[in-house]
Protein backbone atom coordinates (compact mmCIF):
# COMPACT_ATOMS: atom_id res chain seq x y z
CA MET A 1 41.80 -67.05 -37.79
CA ALA A 2 42.08 -66.55 -34.39
CA SER A 3 41.92 -62.54 -35.09
CA GLN A 4 38.98 -63.13 -36.43
CA PRO A 5 36.07 -64.35 -33.89
CA LEU A 6 38.41 -61.25 -31.07
CA THR A 7 37.39 -58.63 -34.02
CA PHE A 8 33.74 -59.23 -34.02
CA GLN A 9 33.26 -59.56 -30.52
CA PHE A 10 34.33 -55.77 -30.27
CA LEU A 11 32.32 -54.89 -33.06
CA ILE A 12 30.04 -56.12 -31.05
CA ILE A 13 30.44 -54.76 -28.32
CA SER A 14 30.61 -51.02 -30.06
CA ILE A 15 26.99 -51.59 -31.35
CA LEU A 16 25.42 -52.37 -27.95
CA ILE A 17 27.51 -49.13 -26.59
CA SER A 18 26.87 -46.22 -29.16
CA SER A 19 22.67 -48.12 -29.05
CA ALA A 20 22.82 -47.43 -24.96
CA SER A 21 24.21 -43.87 -25.95
CA SER A 22 21.77 -42.78 -28.55
CA SER A 23 19.40 -44.57 -26.62
CA LEU A 24 19.60 -42.03 -23.14
CA SER A 25 20.46 -39.21 -25.00
CA ALA A 26 17.01 -39.42 -26.73
CA SER A 27 15.07 -40.63 -23.01
CA PHE A 28 16.92 -37.80 -20.67
CA GLU A 29 16.54 -33.84 -20.84
CA PRO A 30 19.81 -31.83 -20.00
CA LEU A 31 18.45 -30.63 -16.01
CA ILE A 32 19.19 -26.82 -16.48
CA GLN A 33 17.95 -25.37 -20.56
CA LEU A 34 18.72 -21.74 -21.46
CA PRO A 35 16.09 -19.65 -23.14
CA THR A 36 15.64 -20.06 -26.46
CA SER A 37 15.23 -15.75 -27.08
CA THR A 38 14.37 -12.71 -24.93
CA THR A 39 11.55 -12.76 -26.07
CA ASP A 40 9.96 -16.59 -24.40
CA ARG A 41 11.39 -15.03 -21.39
CA LYS A 42 9.61 -11.51 -21.20
CA SER A 43 6.69 -13.92 -21.93
CA HIS A 44 6.33 -16.39 -19.10
CA VAL A 45 7.28 -12.96 -16.43
CA ASP A 46 4.38 -13.70 -14.26
CA ASP A 47 1.53 -10.48 -13.81
CA ASP A 48 1.44 -11.74 -9.88
CA LEU A 49 4.69 -11.38 -8.74
CA TYR A 50 5.06 -8.38 -11.13
CA CYS A 51 2.34 -6.22 -9.60
CA SER A 52 3.67 -7.81 -6.79
CA SER A 53 6.77 -6.41 -7.02
CA TRP A 54 5.04 -3.08 -8.00
CA HIS A 55 2.95 -2.50 -4.99
CA LEU A 56 6.29 -3.13 -3.02
CA ALA A 57 7.50 -0.45 -5.37
CA VAL A 58 4.09 2.10 -4.56
CA GLU A 59 4.31 1.05 -0.51
CA THR A 60 8.42 1.83 -0.11
CA ASN A 61 7.72 5.30 -2.20
CA ASN A 62 10.70 4.40 -5.11
CA ALA A 63 7.35 4.04 -6.84
CA GLY A 64 7.25 7.84 -7.14
CA SER A 65 4.64 10.09 -9.03
CA TRP A 66 2.39 8.07 -10.60
CA ALA A 67 -1.21 8.68 -11.97
CA LYS A 68 -3.14 5.01 -12.14
CA ILE A 69 -2.23 1.58 -12.06
CA PRO A 70 -0.58 -0.80 -14.33
CA SER A 71 -3.20 -2.60 -16.73
CA ARG A 72 -1.33 -5.50 -15.73
CA CYS A 73 -1.82 -5.17 -12.03
CA GLU A 74 -5.73 -4.48 -12.39
CA SER A 75 -7.04 -7.77 -10.86
CA PHE A 76 -4.10 -7.90 -8.44
CA VAL A 77 -5.13 -5.01 -6.60
CA GLN A 78 -9.01 -5.42 -7.04
CA ASP A 79 -8.00 -9.38 -4.85
CA TYR A 80 -5.40 -7.50 -2.70
CA MET A 81 -8.34 -4.39 -1.71
CA ILE A 82 -11.34 -7.21 -1.00
CA SER A 83 -8.64 -9.98 1.07
CA GLN A 84 -7.67 -10.61 4.63
CA ARG A 85 -4.29 -9.26 3.42
CA TYR A 86 -5.27 -5.98 3.56
CA MET A 87 -6.27 -6.27 6.21
CA SER A 88 -4.80 -8.12 8.20
CA ASP A 89 -1.77 -5.85 6.62
CA SER A 90 -3.46 -2.60 8.33
CA GLU A 91 -4.11 -4.40 11.36
CA VAL A 92 0.00 -4.63 11.54
CA VAL A 93 0.23 -1.36 10.90
CA ALA A 94 -2.47 -0.63 13.97
CA ASN A 95 -0.01 -2.01 15.99
CA TYR A 96 3.08 -0.89 15.19
CA SER A 97 1.43 1.96 16.43
CA ILE A 98 -0.14 0.54 19.12
CA GLY A 99 3.16 -0.23 20.69
CA TYR A 100 5.43 2.68 19.67
CA ALA A 101 2.80 5.17 20.83
CA SER A 102 2.85 2.50 24.35
CA SER A 103 6.63 4.30 25.27
CA VAL A 104 5.62 7.99 24.75
CA ASP A 105 5.55 9.20 28.67
CA ILE A 106 2.15 11.27 28.11
CA ALA A 107 2.64 14.85 30.00
CA PRO A 108 -0.33 16.82 31.99
CA ASP A 109 -0.27 19.76 29.84
CA GLY A 110 -1.93 17.78 27.25
CA LYS A 111 0.48 18.97 23.82
CA ASP A 112 1.42 15.19 22.83
CA ALA A 113 -0.60 14.73 19.32
CA TRP A 114 -1.74 12.49 17.06
CA ILE A 115 -2.05 13.30 13.73
CA PHE A 116 -4.71 11.00 10.92
CA ASP A 117 -5.21 11.44 7.48
CA VAL A 118 -9.26 10.29 6.87
CA ASP A 119 -9.66 8.37 3.24
CA GLU A 120 -8.08 5.40 2.96
CA THR A 121 -6.19 5.63 7.08
CA LEU A 122 -9.72 6.72 9.24
CA LEU A 123 -12.15 5.53 6.41
CA SER A 124 -12.14 3.24 3.70
CA ASN A 125 -13.58 4.32 0.31
CA LEU A 126 -13.71 0.56 -0.79
CA PRO A 127 -17.84 0.92 -1.93
CA TYR A 128 -16.67 3.76 -4.26
CA TYR A 129 -13.35 1.72 -6.01
CA GLN A 130 -14.79 -0.45 -6.49
CA ALA A 131 -17.80 0.83 -8.62
CA HIS A 132 -14.68 2.71 -10.51
CA GLY A 133 -12.39 -0.24 -11.32
CA PHE A 134 -9.66 -0.20 -8.03
CA GLY A 135 -7.52 3.33 -8.83
CA SER A 136 -7.64 1.63 -13.17
CA GLU A 137 -10.21 5.02 -13.95
CA THR A 138 -8.93 8.38 -14.01
CA PHE A 139 -10.08 10.02 -10.76
CA ASP A 140 -13.57 11.60 -11.67
CA GLU A 141 -13.62 14.47 -8.98
CA ASN A 142 -17.58 14.95 -9.93
CA THR A 143 -18.09 11.40 -8.58
CA TRP A 144 -15.63 11.55 -5.84
CA ASP A 145 -17.78 14.09 -4.28
CA VAL A 146 -21.64 12.68 -4.61
CA TRP A 147 -20.37 9.59 -2.67
CA VAL A 148 -17.82 12.10 0.47
CA ASP A 149 -21.89 14.10 0.23
CA LEU A 150 -22.87 10.72 1.25
CA ALA A 151 -20.91 10.08 3.84
CA GLU A 152 -20.97 6.41 4.18
CA ALA A 153 -18.13 5.47 3.59
CA PRO A 154 -16.89 2.93 6.72
CA ALA A 155 -14.00 2.65 8.89
CA ILE A 156 -11.07 -0.06 8.51
CA PRO A 157 -11.58 -1.48 11.67
CA SER A 158 -7.78 -1.37 12.80
CA SER A 159 -7.82 2.53 12.06
CA LEU A 160 -11.26 2.60 14.82
CA LYS A 161 -9.52 0.13 17.18
CA LEU A 162 -5.83 2.55 17.29
CA TYR A 163 -8.05 6.07 17.30
CA ASN A 164 -9.63 5.47 20.00
CA GLU A 165 -6.57 3.45 22.08
CA LEU A 166 -5.17 6.76 21.28
CA LYS A 167 -7.25 8.68 22.65
CA HIS A 168 -7.45 6.34 25.66
CA MET A 169 -3.48 7.07 26.74
CA GLY A 170 -4.02 10.86 26.60
CA PHE A 171 -3.22 11.46 23.18
CA LYS A 172 -4.82 15.50 21.50
CA LEU A 173 -5.94 13.76 17.98
CA PHE A 174 -5.45 16.01 15.29
CA VAL A 175 -7.61 14.85 11.57
CA LEU A 176 -5.74 16.64 9.08
CA THR A 177 -7.63 15.93 5.29
CA GLY A 178 -6.90 16.68 1.89
CA ARG A 179 -10.79 17.40 1.82
CA SER A 180 -11.83 20.81 0.69
CA GLU A 181 -13.61 22.83 3.39
CA ASN A 182 -17.34 23.09 1.93
CA GLN A 183 -16.87 18.71 2.51
CA ARG A 184 -16.99 19.50 6.42
CA ASN A 185 -20.17 18.80 7.42
CA ALA A 186 -20.54 15.31 5.42
CA THR A 187 -16.51 14.37 6.69
CA GLY A 188 -17.64 14.98 10.13
CA LYS A 189 -20.85 13.03 9.69
CA ASN A 190 -18.66 10.12 8.67
CA LEU A 191 -16.45 10.26 11.06
CA MET A 192 -19.25 10.20 13.99
CA PHE A 193 -22.07 8.03 11.87
CA ALA A 194 -18.78 4.88 11.37
CA GLY A 195 -17.56 5.54 15.29
CA TYR A 196 -15.09 8.34 15.82
CA THR A 197 -15.28 10.64 17.87
CA GLY A 198 -13.07 13.27 20.43
CA TRP A 199 -10.92 14.98 17.86
CA GLU A 200 -9.03 17.99 19.06
CA ARG A 201 -9.84 19.66 15.57
CA LEU A 202 -10.60 18.88 11.86
CA LEU A 203 -8.14 20.76 9.08
CA LEU A 204 -9.45 21.02 5.70
CA ARG A 205 -8.29 22.90 2.72
CA GLY A 206 -9.14 26.45 2.35
CA PRO A 207 -9.64 28.20 -0.82
CA SER A 208 -5.78 29.75 -0.02
CA ASP A 209 -5.02 25.92 -0.20
CA GLU A 210 -6.36 25.05 -3.37
CA GLY A 211 -4.02 23.59 -5.80
CA THR A 212 -0.85 23.39 -3.49
CA LEU A 213 1.25 20.54 -2.57
CA ALA A 214 -0.51 17.78 -0.20
CA THR A 215 2.83 16.75 1.16
CA VAL A 216 3.36 21.38 1.40
CA PHE A 217 -0.15 21.42 3.05
CA LYS A 218 0.04 19.12 5.31
CA SER A 219 3.29 20.18 6.43
CA GLU A 220 1.88 23.61 6.68
CA ARG A 221 -0.35 22.43 9.00
CA ARG A 222 1.43 20.79 11.62
CA GLN A 223 4.10 23.49 11.23
CA VAL A 224 0.64 25.31 13.04
CA LEU A 225 0.07 22.80 15.64
CA VAL A 226 4.07 23.43 16.26
CA ASN A 227 3.87 26.42 16.73
CA GLU A 228 0.98 26.39 19.08
CA GLY A 229 3.04 23.97 21.64
CA TYR A 230 1.87 20.85 20.13
CA ARG A 231 4.53 18.05 20.35
CA ILE A 232 3.56 15.38 17.23
CA ARG A 233 4.33 11.53 18.07
CA GLY A 234 2.91 9.83 15.62
CA SER A 235 1.17 10.21 12.31
CA SER A 236 -0.71 8.20 9.93
CA GLY A 237 -1.94 8.61 6.70
CA ASP A 238 -1.80 6.01 3.25
CA GLN A 239 -0.26 8.35 1.21
CA TRP A 240 3.92 9.81 1.68
CA SER A 241 2.16 13.13 1.39
CA ASP A 242 0.41 12.36 4.53
CA LEU A 243 4.25 11.99 6.19
CA LEU A 244 6.57 13.53 4.52
CA GLY A 245 7.80 16.85 4.43
CA PHE A 246 8.17 19.86 8.06
CA ALA A 247 7.32 19.40 10.68
CA LEU A 248 7.40 15.98 10.97
CA ALA A 249 5.83 13.77 14.01
CA LYS A 250 8.29 11.94 15.95
CA ARG A 251 7.40 8.55 14.49
CA SER A 252 5.40 8.29 10.93
CA PHE A 253 2.74 4.86 10.31
CA LYS A 254 2.59 4.50 6.53
CA LEU A 255 -0.59 2.85 5.33
CA PRO A 256 -1.18 0.30 2.68
CA ASN A 257 -2.97 1.96 -0.27
CA PRO A 258 -2.60 0.63 -4.09
CA MET A 259 -5.37 2.26 -5.46
CA TYR A 260 -4.30 5.64 -5.89
CA TYR A 261 -0.54 8.62 -5.13
CA ILE A 262 -1.30 11.90 -4.36
CA GLY A 263 1.64 13.65 -4.51
């Protein structure tokens, strides 16, 4: 008879423990939850995160050749190009360029040279690309030529500052662009309108350069300068084709441009 109360008490305790366990299980979720499927994982990838990584791949030349920006990155590129981030990135490049240029011992023979590209390096074509999807549209040469002839592209402020600093230091400044020779007048007019003056030479594509890869064309023009005795101390461009190849500068500086690629 004495064992019955003990058995009852044990039963009550067991029920209470079981009830508490059930209550705790219902009110707490695991701290770590595994994804239910690959599809769910992919569907939740953040576009801004992806596009930021894509932008890094473009600027470091890991992306290689590409025709248009990814459709999911259209808003990202637009927001970047009209933001203070783009201006800040460009300014950082210019400041590093000035820092390096200040370390160069300029010789009195006038042969220390710096080469600049034009589009998205000295001049900003944002007004044009704003009307054409910031690189999301296939490039149209006709509308581009109309824009170039207007000669209204503004200067990139940090590039104008760099240009004038280098000129003051005594570098000979060469402007080397993939624009065609028949755009010489419009290009020269635009550069002066934007505040650029005193370049040593404006180099454009002639009829015999049509169809030549940008890397080859610009390398050949640099080689001509080297053969003339110039020491190419620095080079600035928004495309890797502005900076790679042969007859290279001692230091090259890449400006940001996620809108288009020129090989």
